Amino acid sequence: MARTLDISEEESIQQNLNEWCYEVGTHYEEFSRKAAAKFIKYIGKKPVVDLGSGDGAGAKVFISNGNPTTAVDINPEKLSKIEATKVNTDFLSFLTKPVDNIFCHHALEHFVNYQEVLDRIGKHLKKGCYAYIAVPKGDDPHSVHHVAFESCGELIPPNTELIEYGESDDSAWPEFYVVVRK
């Protein structure tokens, strides 16, 4: 069962924006690029939405592959570094209409209401399209806006078919991931 930590919302927002969104993410771009390259084998050159794109490491892979790419992130400073269609908002505000393929690499864990995000992915992912979702493995909740997942099964949106799943024990970047299709 996914776990959360109970600290004040204000502390959580500051920690996520100051530490995780601005600093930590930049050290792990290589892992996002590898995941995006892996996802391309499912989506080819079709449109993709990079939910929680951060510095855009994944978005840049899609763009260089010729995929029409929409980068969605709550941090406008990070979005400014990406040459894609940019949407400065949170996932729930964005996921209100049908979307093509979704790439969500190490971003879902920042939503305590992650199940609502998964529900919206399951509802708004277009038929025949794919979603790639990855979160840290073996993580501990460190803010009210952070969820620690314990299995790949917690990442599957409703109304989707599980295509691939796995976990990495790479000490630099352990993770759970799933690829689903609607």
C-alpha atoms as a PDB file:
ATOM      1  CA  MET A   1       0.000   0.000   0.000  1.00  0.00           C
ATOM      2  CA  ALA A   2       1.336   3.445  -0.928  1.00  0.00           C
ATOM      3  CA  ARG A   3       2.549   5.498   2.047  1.00  0.00           C
ATOM      4  CA  THR A   4       2.539   9.227   2.755  1.00  0.00           C
ATOM      5  CA  LEU A   5       4.037  11.510   5.418  1.00  0.00           C
ATOM      6  CA  ASP A   6       1.989  14.019   7.349  1.00  0.00           C
ATOM      7  CA  ILE A   7       3.711  17.418   7.433  1.00  0.00           C
ATOM      8  CA  SER A   8       2.186  20.815   6.762  1.00  0.00           C
ATOM      9  CA  GLU A   9       1.118  21.574   3.228  1.00  0.00           C
ATOM     10  CA  GLU A  10       3.207  24.757   3.237  1.00  0.00           C
ATOM     11  CA  GLU A  11       6.380  22.851   4.217  1.00  0.00           C
ATOM     12  CA  SER A  12       5.627  20.284   1.561  1.00  0.00           C
ATOM     13  CA  ILE A  13       5.127  22.791  -1.240  1.00  0.00           C
ATOM     14  CA  GLN A  14       8.338  24.630  -0.357  1.00  0.00           C
ATOM     15  CA  GLN A  15      10.332  21.414  -0.179  1.00  0.00           C
ATOM     16  CA  ASN A  16       9.006  20.148  -3.509  1.00  0.00           C
ATOM     17  CA  LEU A  17       9.509  23.430  -5.349  1.00  0.00           C
ATOM     18  CA  ASN A  18      12.844  24.359  -3.787  1.00  0.00           C
ATOM     19  CA  GLU A  19      14.553  21.021  -3.477  1.00  0.00           C
ATOM     20  CA  TRP A  20      13.026  18.413  -5.753  1.00  0.00           C
ATOM     21  CA  CYS A  21      11.754  20.506  -8.656  1.00  0.00           C
ATOM     22  CA  TYR A  22      14.764  22.805  -8.898  1.00  0.00           C
ATOM     23  CA  GLU A  23      17.697  20.706  -7.754  1.00  0.00           C
ATOM     24  CA  VAL A  24      17.360  16.944  -7.567  1.00  0.00           C
ATOM     25  CA  GLY A  25      15.650  16.454 -10.913  1.00  0.00           C
ATOM     26  CA  THR A  26      18.580  17.826 -12.892  1.00  0.00           C
ATOM     27  CA  HIS A  27      20.879  15.028 -11.692  1.00  0.00           C
ATOM     28  CA  TYR A  28      18.741  12.247 -13.112  1.00  0.00           C
ATOM     29  CA  GLU A  29      18.053  13.320 -16.694  1.00  0.00           C
ATOM     30  CA  GLU A  30      19.889  10.279 -18.076  1.00  0.00           C
ATOM     31  CA  PHE A  31      17.285   7.950 -16.551  1.00  0.00           C
ATOM     32  CA  SER A  32      14.407   9.940 -18.019  1.00  0.00           C
ATOM     33  CA  ARG A  33      16.051   9.884 -21.466  1.00  0.00           C
ATOM     34  CA  LYS A  34      16.455   6.085 -21.296  1.00  0.00           C
ATOM     35  CA  ALA A  35      12.815   5.631 -20.251  1.00  0.00           C
ATOM     36  CA  ALA A  36      11.598   7.912 -23.054  1.00  0.00           C
ATOM     37  CA  ALA A  37      13.654   5.975 -25.606  1.00  0.00           C
ATOM     38  CA  LYS A  38      12.109   2.749 -24.297  1.00  0.00           C
ATOM     39  CA  PHE A  39       8.594   4.212 -24.599  1.00  0.00           C
ATOM     40  CA  ILE A  40       9.172   5.226 -28.247  1.00  0.00           C
ATOM     41  CA  LYS A  41       9.103   1.555 -29.259  1.00  0.00           C
ATOM     42  CA  TYR A  42       5.386   1.590 -28.334  1.00  0.00           C
ATOM     43  CA  ILE A  43       4.341   4.984 -29.674  1.00  0.00           C
ATOM     44  CA  GLY A  44       6.577   5.450 -32.716  1.00  0.00           C
ATOM     45  CA  LYS A  45       6.235   9.051 -33.863  1.00  0.00           C
ATOM     46  CA  LYS A  46       2.743   9.641 -32.458  1.00  0.00           C
ATOM     47  CA  PRO A  47       1.933  12.604 -30.173  1.00  0.00           C
ATOM     48  CA  VAL A  48       2.955  12.361 -26.527  1.00  0.00           C
ATOM     49  CA  VAL A  49       2.245  14.316 -23.356  1.00  0.00           C
ATOM     50  CA  ASP A  50       5.149  14.458 -20.885  1.00  0.00           C
ATOM     51  CA  LEU A  51       3.360  14.839 -17.523  1.00  0.00           C
ATOM     52  CA  GLY A  52       5.738  16.331 -14.973  1.00  0.00           C
ATOM     53  CA  SER A  53       8.398  16.990 -17.572  1.00  0.00           C
ATOM     54  CA  GLY A  54      10.789  18.842 -15.266  1.00  0.00           C
ATOM     55  CA  ASP A  55      13.861  19.857 -17.286  1.00  0.00           C
ATOM     56  CA  GLY A  56      12.375  18.118 -20.297  1.00  0.00           C
ATOM     57  CA  ALA A  57      14.904  15.304 -20.643  1.00  0.00           C
ATOM     58  CA  GLY A  58      12.154  12.940 -21.800  1.00  0.00           C
ATOM     59  CA  ALA A  59      10.449  15.603 -23.919  1.00  0.00           C
ATOM     60  CA  LYS A  60      13.726  16.271 -25.733  1.00  0.00           C
ATOM     61  CA  VAL A  61      13.982  12.590 -26.686  1.00  0.00           C
ATOM     62  CA  PHE A  62      10.449  12.625 -28.079  1.00  0.00           C
ATOM     63  CA  ILE A  63      11.060  15.869 -29.967  1.00  0.00           C
ATOM     64  CA  SER A  64      14.277  14.541 -31.526  1.00  0.00           C
ATOM     65  CA  ASN A  65      12.317  11.434 -32.587  1.00  0.00           C
ATOM     66  CA  GLY A  66       9.738  13.607 -34.344  1.00  0.00           C
ATOM     67  CA  ASN A  67       6.906  13.124 -31.842  1.00  0.00           C
ATOM     68  CA  PRO A  68       4.569  16.113 -31.426  1.00  0.00           C
ATOM     69  CA  THR A  69       5.251  16.767 -27.722  1.00  0.00           C
ATOM     70  CA  THR A  70       3.365  18.604 -24.989  1.00  0.00           C
ATOM     71  CA  ALA A  71       5.357  19.255 -21.801  1.00  0.00           C
ATOM     72  CA  VAL A  72       3.240  19.687 -18.660  1.00  0.00           C
ATOM     73  CA  ASP A  73       4.822  20.872 -15.418  1.00  0.00           C
ATOM     74  CA  ILE A  74       3.900  23.071 -12.482  1.00  0.00           C
ATOM     75  CA  ASN A  75       7.342  24.709 -12.472  1.00  0.00           C
ATOM     76  CA  PRO A  76       7.543  27.476 -15.112  1.00  0.00           C
ATOM     77  CA  GLU A  77      11.329  27.797 -14.736  1.00  0.00           C
ATOM     78  CA  LYS A  78      11.814  24.177 -15.793  1.00  0.00           C
ATOM     79  CA  LEU A  79       9.367  24.521 -18.699  1.00  0.00           C
ATOM     80  CA  SER A  80      11.267  27.513 -20.054  1.00  0.00           C
ATOM     81  CA  LYS A  81      14.124  25.160 -21.010  1.00  0.00           C
ATOM     82  CA  ILE A  82      11.988  22.956 -23.280  1.00  0.00           C
ATOM     83  CA  GLU A  83      11.274  23.509 -26.987  1.00  0.00           C
ATOM     84  CA  ALA A  84       7.817  21.912 -27.013  1.00  0.00           C
ATOM     85  CA  THR A  85       4.204  22.900 -26.537  1.00  0.00           C
ATOM     86  CA  LYS A  86       4.242  23.930 -22.874  1.00  0.00           C
ATOM     87  CA  VAL A  87       1.456  23.818 -20.328  1.00  0.00           C
ATOM     88  CA  ASN A  88       2.225  25.319 -16.915  1.00  0.00           C
ATOM     89  CA  THR A  89      -0.257  23.552 -14.640  1.00  0.00           C
ATOM     90  CA  ASP A  90      -0.797  20.494 -12.472  1.00  0.00           C
ATOM     91  CA  PHE A  91      -1.817  17.081 -13.825  1.00  0.00           C
ATOM     92  CA  LEU A  92      -5.416  17.179 -12.651  1.00  0.00           C
ATOM     93  CA  SER A  93      -6.084  20.537 -14.289  1.00  0.00           C
ATOM     94  CA  PHE A  94      -4.549  19.254 -17.519  1.00  0.00           C
ATOM     95  CA  LEU A  95      -6.226  15.831 -17.641  1.00  0.00           C
ATOM     96  CA  THR A  96      -9.770  16.963 -18.458  1.00  0.00           C
ATOM     97  CA  LYS A  97     -10.015  15.931 -22.117  1.00  0.00           C
ATOM     98  CA  PRO A  98      -8.812  13.047 -24.318  1.00  0.00           C
ATOM     99  CA  VAL A  99      -5.043  12.860 -24.778  1.00  0.00           C
ATOM    100  CA  ASP A 100      -2.686  10.760 -26.824  1.00  0.00           C
ATOM    101  CA  ASN A 101       0.218   8.852 -25.293  1.00  0.00           C
ATOM    102  CA  ILE A 102       1.340   9.827 -21.788  1.00  0.00           C
ATOM    103  CA  PHE A 103       4.853   9.714 -20.369  1.00  0.00           C
ATOM    104  CA  CYS A 104       4.932  10.231 -16.587  1.00  0.00           C
ATOM    105  CA  HIS A 105       8.469   9.559 -15.345  1.00  0.00           C
ATOM    106  CA  HIS A 106       9.079  10.138 -11.620  1.00  0.00           C
ATOM    107  CA  ALA A 107       6.302  12.678 -11.174  1.00  0.00           C
ATOM    108  CA  LEU A 108       3.237  10.723  -9.971  1.00  0.00           C
ATOM    109  CA  GLU A 109       4.806  10.283  -6.518  1.00  0.00           C
ATOM    110  CA  HIS A 110       4.379  14.015  -5.927  1.00  0.00           C
ATOM    111  CA  PHE A 111       0.583  13.676  -5.844  1.00  0.00           C
ATOM    112  CA  VAL A 112      -0.947  12.394  -2.617  1.00  0.00           C
ATOM    113  CA  ASN A 113      -4.152  12.070  -4.650  1.00  0.00           C
ATOM    114  CA  TYR A 114      -2.239   9.896  -7.133  1.00  0.00           C
ATOM    115  CA  GLN A 115      -5.251   7.609  -7.556  1.00  0.00           C
ATOM    116  CA  GLU A 116      -7.248  10.514  -8.954  1.00  0.00           C
ATOM    117  CA  VAL A 117      -4.421  11.172 -11.427  1.00  0.00           C
ATOM    118  CA  LEU A 118      -4.440   7.487 -12.436  1.00  0.00           C
ATOM    119  CA  ASP A 119      -8.237   7.571 -12.750  1.00  0.00           C
ATOM    120  CA  ARG A 120      -7.983  10.566 -15.092  1.00  0.00           C
ATOM    121  CA  ILE A 121      -5.290   8.872 -17.156  1.00  0.00           C
ATOM    122  CA  GLY A 122      -7.550   5.822 -17.472  1.00  0.00           C
ATOM    123  CA  LYS A 123     -10.492   8.019 -18.415  1.00  0.00           C
ATOM    124  CA  HIS A 124      -8.788  10.445 -20.821  1.00  0.00           C
ATOM    125  CA  LEU A 125      -6.152   8.305 -22.543  1.00  0.00           C
ATOM    126  CA  LYS A 126      -7.378   7.795 -26.117  1.00  0.00           C
ATOM    127  CA  LYS A 127      -8.227   4.274 -27.260  1.00  0.00           C
ATOM    128  CA  GLY A 128      -5.188   2.533 -28.746  1.00  0.00           C
ATOM    129  CA  CYS A 129      -2.770   4.905 -26.988  1.00  0.00           C
ATOM    130  CA  TYR A 130      -0.175   4.118 -24.322  1.00  0.00           C
ATOM    131  CA  ALA A 131       0.962   5.445 -20.957  1.00  0.00           C
ATOM    132  CA  TYR A 132       4.383   4.939 -19.376  1.00  0.00           C
ATOM    133  CA  ILE A 133       4.403   5.551 -15.629  1.00  0.00           C
ATOM    134  CA  ALA A 134       7.466   5.225 -13.391  1.00  0.00           C
ATOM    135  CA  VAL A 135       8.038   6.078  -9.726  1.00  0.00           C
ATOM    136  CA  PRO A 136      10.915   5.622  -7.277  1.00  0.00           C
ATOM    137  CA  LYS A 137      11.244   2.189  -5.691  1.00  0.00           C
ATOM    138  CA  GLY A 138      12.137   1.913  -2.009  1.00  0.00           C
ATOM    139  CA  ASP A 139      11.515   5.589  -1.433  1.00  0.00           C
ATOM    140  CA  ASP A 140      10.233   7.085   1.800  1.00  0.00           C
ATOM    141  CA  PRO A 141       7.616   9.814   1.891  1.00  0.00           C
ATOM    142  CA  HIS A 142       9.380  13.100   2.659  1.00  0.00           C
ATOM    143  CA  SER A 143       6.512  15.559   2.388  1.00  0.00           C
ATOM    144  CA  VAL A 144       2.739  15.704   2.371  1.00  0.00           C
ATOM    145  CA  HIS A 145       3.002  15.853  -1.421  1.00  0.00           C
ATOM    146  CA  HIS A 146       5.039  12.691  -1.758  1.00  0.00           C
ATOM    147  CA  VAL A 147       3.887   9.090  -2.005  1.00  0.00           C
ATOM    148  CA  ALA A 148       6.050   6.001  -1.574  1.00  0.00           C
ATOM    149  CA  PHE A 149       4.901   3.125  -3.774  1.00  0.00           C
ATOM    150  CA  GLU A 150       5.494  -0.514  -2.933  1.00  0.00           C
ATOM    151  CA  SER A 151       4.694  -2.278  -6.226  1.00  0.00           C
ATOM    152  CA  CYS A 152       4.128  -1.863  -9.952  1.00  0.00           C
ATOM    153  CA  GLY A 153       0.487  -2.820  -9.448  1.00  0.00           C
ATOM    154  CA  GLU A 154      -0.219   0.516  -7.758  1.00  0.00           C
ATOM    155  CA  LEU A 155       0.617   2.345 -11.011  1.00  0.00           C
ATOM    156  CA  ILE A 156      -1.995   0.832 -13.324  1.00  0.00           C
ATOM    157  CA  PRO A 157      -4.749   3.265 -14.370  1.00  0.00           C
ATOM    158  CA  PRO A 158      -8.285   1.829 -14.529  1.00  0.00           C
ATOM    159  CA  ASN A 159      -9.672   0.863 -17.934  1.00  0.00           C
ATOM    160  CA  THR A 160      -6.196   0.116 -19.302  1.00  0.00           C
ATOM    161  CA  GLU A 161      -4.410  -3.062 -20.281  1.00  0.00           C
ATOM    162  CA  LEU A 162      -1.028  -3.810 -18.716  1.00  0.00           C
ATOM    163  CA  ILE A 163       1.514  -4.278 -21.527  1.00  0.00           C
ATOM    164  CA  GLU A 164       4.815  -4.280 -19.639  1.00  0.00           C
ATOM    165  CA  TYR A 165       5.969  -3.768 -16.074  1.00  0.00           C
ATOM    166  CA  GLY A 166       9.132  -4.073 -14.114  1.00  0.00           C
ATOM    167  CA  GLU A 167      11.403  -2.766 -11.464  1.00  0.00           C
ATOM    168  CA  SER A 168      14.976  -1.657 -11.450  1.00  0.00           C
ATOM    169  CA  ASP A 169      17.333  -2.198  -8.575  1.00  0.00           C
ATOM    170  CA  ASP A 170      19.929   0.186  -9.985  1.00  0.00           C
ATOM    171  CA  SER A 171      21.365   1.753  -6.826  1.00  0.00           C
ATOM    172  CA  ALA A 172      21.468   5.183  -8.485  1.00  0.00           C
ATOM    173  CA  TRP A 173      17.826   5.098  -9.628  1.00  0.00           C
ATOM    174  CA  PRO A 174      15.678   2.186  -8.377  1.00  0.00           C
ATOM    175  CA  GLU A 175      12.166   2.363  -9.794  1.00  0.00           C
ATOM    176  CA  PHE A 176       8.867   0.661 -10.554  1.00  0.00           C
ATOM    177  CA  TYR A 177       7.397   1.175 -14.029  1.00  0.00           C
ATOM    178  CA  VAL A 178       4.425   0.136 -16.125  1.00  0.00           C
ATOM    179  CA  VAL A 179       3.417   0.520 -19.752  1.00  0.00           C
ATOM    180  CA  VAL A 180      -0.347   0.332 -20.301  1.00  0.00           C
ATOM    181  CA  ARG A 181      -2.625   0.663 -23.327  1.00  0.00           C
ATOM    182  CA  LYS A 182      -6.229   1.737 -23.524  1.00  0.00           C
END
